[in-house]
Amino acid sequence: MSETTASPHVGKAFPVSWDQFHRDCRALAWRLDGLGPFRALIAVTRGGLVPAAIVARELGIRVIDAVNIASYDHTTQKDLTVLKGVSDTVAALGEGVGRGLLIVDDLVDTGKTAKLVRDMLPEAHVAAVYAKPVGKPMVDTFITEVSQDTWIFFPWDTGLSFQPPLREGGA
């Protein structure tokens, strides 16, 4: 879900501020409210940690776990590696194979990470704040769709600096 298909220097730049990201995460929680009940939330790390915290707060979910999947090095897609799976305790809270569990990530790009997590818990509800067209079918709920060639600059990856206007070579 947090995997990327483009270099940060190619395609359209979509910088997201902390304020905007918080609003988008709350909008995701609003959209998810009423779809549960969710017995536990699973963050896809690392990108899903911040939205998971916000969604868990807004929905009153106290049981939070993480699935750790490495898929990229900021610029290129690599093979997926599960560094840590969902704990047995949290997996057992899902009826069947995940029903009642909520999986949250920041972005679904190609859908490879989302597919891997969905294969682990096929009946869980998968949500992402942002979705690209190729990965969008792998999530049940998202807030904002961006084009496949868009590179999202998340607030934890950026700092404040001057940006020249577009007509002067700015991103």
Protein backbone atom coordinates (compact mmCIF):
# COMPACT_ATOMS: atom_id res chain seq x y z
CA MET A 1 0.00 0.00 0.00
CA SER A 2 2.83 2.39 0.69
CA GLU A 3 4.76 1.09 -2.27
CA THR A 4 5.74 3.52 -4.97
CA THR A 5 6.14 3.28 -8.70
CA ALA A 6 7.72 6.61 -9.54
CA SER A 7 10.80 8.53 -8.62
CA PRO A 8 10.20 11.62 -6.52
CA HIS A 9 11.74 13.58 -9.39
CA VAL A 10 9.36 12.31 -12.07
CA GLY A 11 5.65 12.93 -12.47
CA LYS A 12 3.43 15.30 -10.55
CA ALA A 13 4.37 16.46 -7.08
CA PHE A 14 1.61 16.39 -4.46
CA PRO A 15 2.93 17.85 -1.20
CA VAL A 16 0.70 17.18 1.80
CA SER A 17 0.96 19.34 4.94
CA TRP A 18 0.42 18.01 8.46
CA ASP A 19 -2.89 19.91 8.64
CA GLN A 20 -4.14 18.50 5.35
CA PHE A 21 -3.05 14.98 6.25
CA HIS A 22 -4.83 15.20 9.60
CA ARG A 23 -8.02 16.41 7.88
CA ASP A 24 -7.78 13.60 5.32
CA CYS A 25 -7.27 10.99 8.07
CA ARG A 26 -10.29 12.32 9.97
CA ALA A 27 -12.30 12.17 6.73
CA LEU A 28 -11.23 8.53 6.40
CA ALA A 29 -12.46 7.89 9.95
CA TRP A 30 -15.80 9.55 9.14
CA ARG A 31 -16.16 7.34 6.09
CA LEU A 32 -15.31 4.23 8.15
CA ASP A 33 -17.63 5.13 11.02
CA GLY A 34 -20.61 2.83 10.92
CA LEU A 35 -18.89 0.20 8.76
CA GLY A 36 -17.65 -1.75 11.78
CA PRO A 37 -17.69 -2.61 14.50
CA PHE A 38 -13.95 -2.99 14.26
CA ARG A 39 -12.42 -5.07 17.06
CA ALA A 40 -8.86 -4.04 16.21
CA LEU A 41 -6.89 -1.84 13.85
CA ILE A 42 -3.77 -2.95 12.00
CA ALA A 43 -1.39 -0.30 10.72
CA VAL A 44 0.73 -1.07 7.66
CA THR A 45 4.10 0.33 8.62
CA ARG A 46 5.63 2.64 8.32
CA GLY A 47 3.34 4.94 6.34
CA GLY A 48 0.20 3.67 8.01
CA LEU A 49 1.29 4.51 11.56
CA VAL A 50 0.13 8.14 11.59
CA PRO A 51 -3.24 7.58 9.88
CA ALA A 52 -3.82 4.51 12.06
CA ALA A 53 -3.34 6.57 15.22
CA ILE A 54 -5.78 9.22 14.02
CA VAL A 55 -8.40 6.72 12.81
CA ALA A 56 -8.09 4.68 16.03
CA ARG A 57 -8.65 7.81 18.11
CA GLU A 58 -11.64 8.95 16.08
CA LEU A 59 -13.31 5.52 16.08
CA GLY A 60 -12.43 4.64 19.68
CA ILE A 61 -10.40 1.57 18.71
CA ARG A 62 -8.00 0.60 21.50
CA VAL A 63 -6.51 -2.63 20.13
CA ILE A 64 -3.84 -1.67 17.61
CA ASP A 65 -1.28 -3.88 15.91
CA ALA A 66 1.08 -3.43 12.98
CA VAL A 67 2.14 -5.46 10.00
CA ASN A 68 5.61 -4.47 8.85
CA ILE A 69 6.24 -4.79 5.13
CA ALA A 70 9.28 -3.40 3.38
CA SER A 71 8.63 -2.56 -0.25
CA TYR A 72 10.66 0.45 -1.34
CA ASP A 73 13.61 2.69 -0.60
CA HIS A 74 11.89 6.06 -1.20
CA THR A 75 12.39 5.95 -4.96
CA THR A 76 12.06 2.42 -6.33
CA GLN A 77 9.76 -0.54 -5.84
CA LYS A 78 11.47 -3.64 -4.52
CA ASP A 79 10.31 -7.15 -3.65
CA LEU A 80 7.94 -7.21 -0.71
CA THR A 81 9.31 -8.55 2.55
CA VAL A 82 7.14 -9.19 5.61
CA LEU A 83 9.25 -8.11 8.57
CA LYS A 84 6.48 -8.70 11.13
CA GLY A 85 3.06 -10.19 10.67
CA VAL A 86 -0.14 -9.57 12.58
CA SER A 87 -0.01 -10.96 16.12
CA ASP A 88 -1.94 -14.14 16.81
CA THR A 89 -3.92 -12.31 19.51
CA VAL A 90 -5.18 -9.66 17.09
CA ALA A 91 -5.73 -12.12 14.24
CA ALA A 92 -7.93 -14.18 16.59
CA LEU A 93 -10.19 -11.13 17.12
CA GLY A 94 -11.21 -11.31 13.47
CA GLU A 95 -14.14 -13.60 12.83
CA GLY A 96 -13.16 -16.10 10.18
CA VAL A 97 -10.10 -14.69 8.48
CA GLY A 98 -10.19 -11.04 9.41
CA ARG A 99 -13.83 -9.95 9.63
CA GLY A 100 -14.01 -7.12 12.17
CA LEU A 101 -10.42 -6.05 11.64
CA LEU A 102 -9.48 -2.72 10.05
CA ILE A 103 -6.24 -2.35 8.10
CA VAL A 104 -5.01 1.23 7.56
CA ASP A 105 -2.25 2.65 5.36
CA ASP A 106 -1.35 6.05 3.99
CA LEU A 107 -1.34 5.12 0.29
CA VAL A 108 -2.24 2.32 -2.08
CA ASP A 109 -0.10 2.67 -5.18
CA THR A 110 0.33 -0.51 -7.23
CA GLY A 111 -1.72 -2.56 -4.77
CA LYS A 112 1.04 -5.11 -4.14
CA THR A 113 1.32 -4.38 -0.43
CA ALA A 114 -2.46 -4.23 -0.04
CA LYS A 115 -2.79 -7.59 -1.80
CA LEU A 116 -0.21 -9.16 0.49
CA VAL A 117 -2.05 -7.89 3.58
CA ARG A 118 -5.43 -8.89 2.13
CA ASP A 119 -4.06 -12.40 1.50
CA MET A 120 -3.20 -12.58 5.23
CA LEU A 121 -6.68 -11.43 6.34
CA PRO A 122 -9.03 -11.69 3.35
CA GLU A 123 -12.15 -10.56 5.23
CA ALA A 124 -10.57 -7.52 6.90
CA HIS A 125 -11.59 -4.03 5.80
CA VAL A 126 -8.66 -2.34 4.03
CA ALA A 127 -8.50 1.46 4.05
CA ALA A 128 -6.01 4.02 2.77
CA VAL A 129 -5.97 7.78 2.85
CA TYR A 130 -4.81 8.11 -0.76
CA ALA A 131 -5.24 5.75 -3.72
CA LYS A 132 -3.78 5.52 -7.19
CA PRO A 133 -5.79 3.91 -10.02
CA VAL A 134 -3.78 0.68 -10.26
CA GLY A 135 -4.03 -0.06 -6.53
CA LYS A 136 -7.51 1.32 -5.89
CA PRO A 137 -9.31 -2.03 -6.41
CA MET A 138 -7.33 -3.51 -3.51
CA VAL A 139 -8.82 -1.16 -0.88
CA ASP A 140 -12.37 -1.00 0.42
CA THR A 141 -12.26 2.65 1.51
CA PHE A 142 -10.09 5.63 0.62
CA ILE A 143 -10.40 9.42 0.62
CA THR A 144 -8.49 10.94 -2.28
CA GLU A 145 -7.53 9.45 -5.64
CA VAL A 146 -4.40 10.77 -7.32
CA SER A 147 -3.03 9.91 -10.75
CA GLN A 148 -0.59 7.03 -11.07
CA ASP A 149 2.26 9.40 -11.98
CA THR A 150 1.76 11.53 -8.86
CA TRP A 151 4.41 11.42 -6.17
CA ILE A 152 2.94 12.21 -2.75
CA PHE A 153 5.29 14.07 -0.44
CA PHE A 154 4.06 13.17 3.05
CA PRO A 155 4.68 15.66 5.84
CA TRP A 156 7.10 13.35 7.67
CA ASP A 157 9.29 13.20 4.54
CA THR A 158 9.52 16.94 3.88
CA GLY A 159 10.61 20.23 5.39
CA LEU A 160 9.61 23.79 4.76
CA SER A 161 11.57 25.51 1.99
CA PHE A 162 11.04 28.01 -0.78
CA GLN A 163 9.47 26.62 -3.96
CA PRO A 164 9.80 28.58 -7.22
CA PRO A 165 6.59 29.14 -9.23
CA LEU A 166 5.65 26.43 -11.74
CA ARG A 167 6.49 28.67 -14.69
CA GLU A 168 9.98 29.15 -13.28
CA GLY A 169 10.74 25.45 -12.99
CA GLY A 170 9.04 24.74 -9.66
CA ALA A 171 7.51 21.38 -8.95
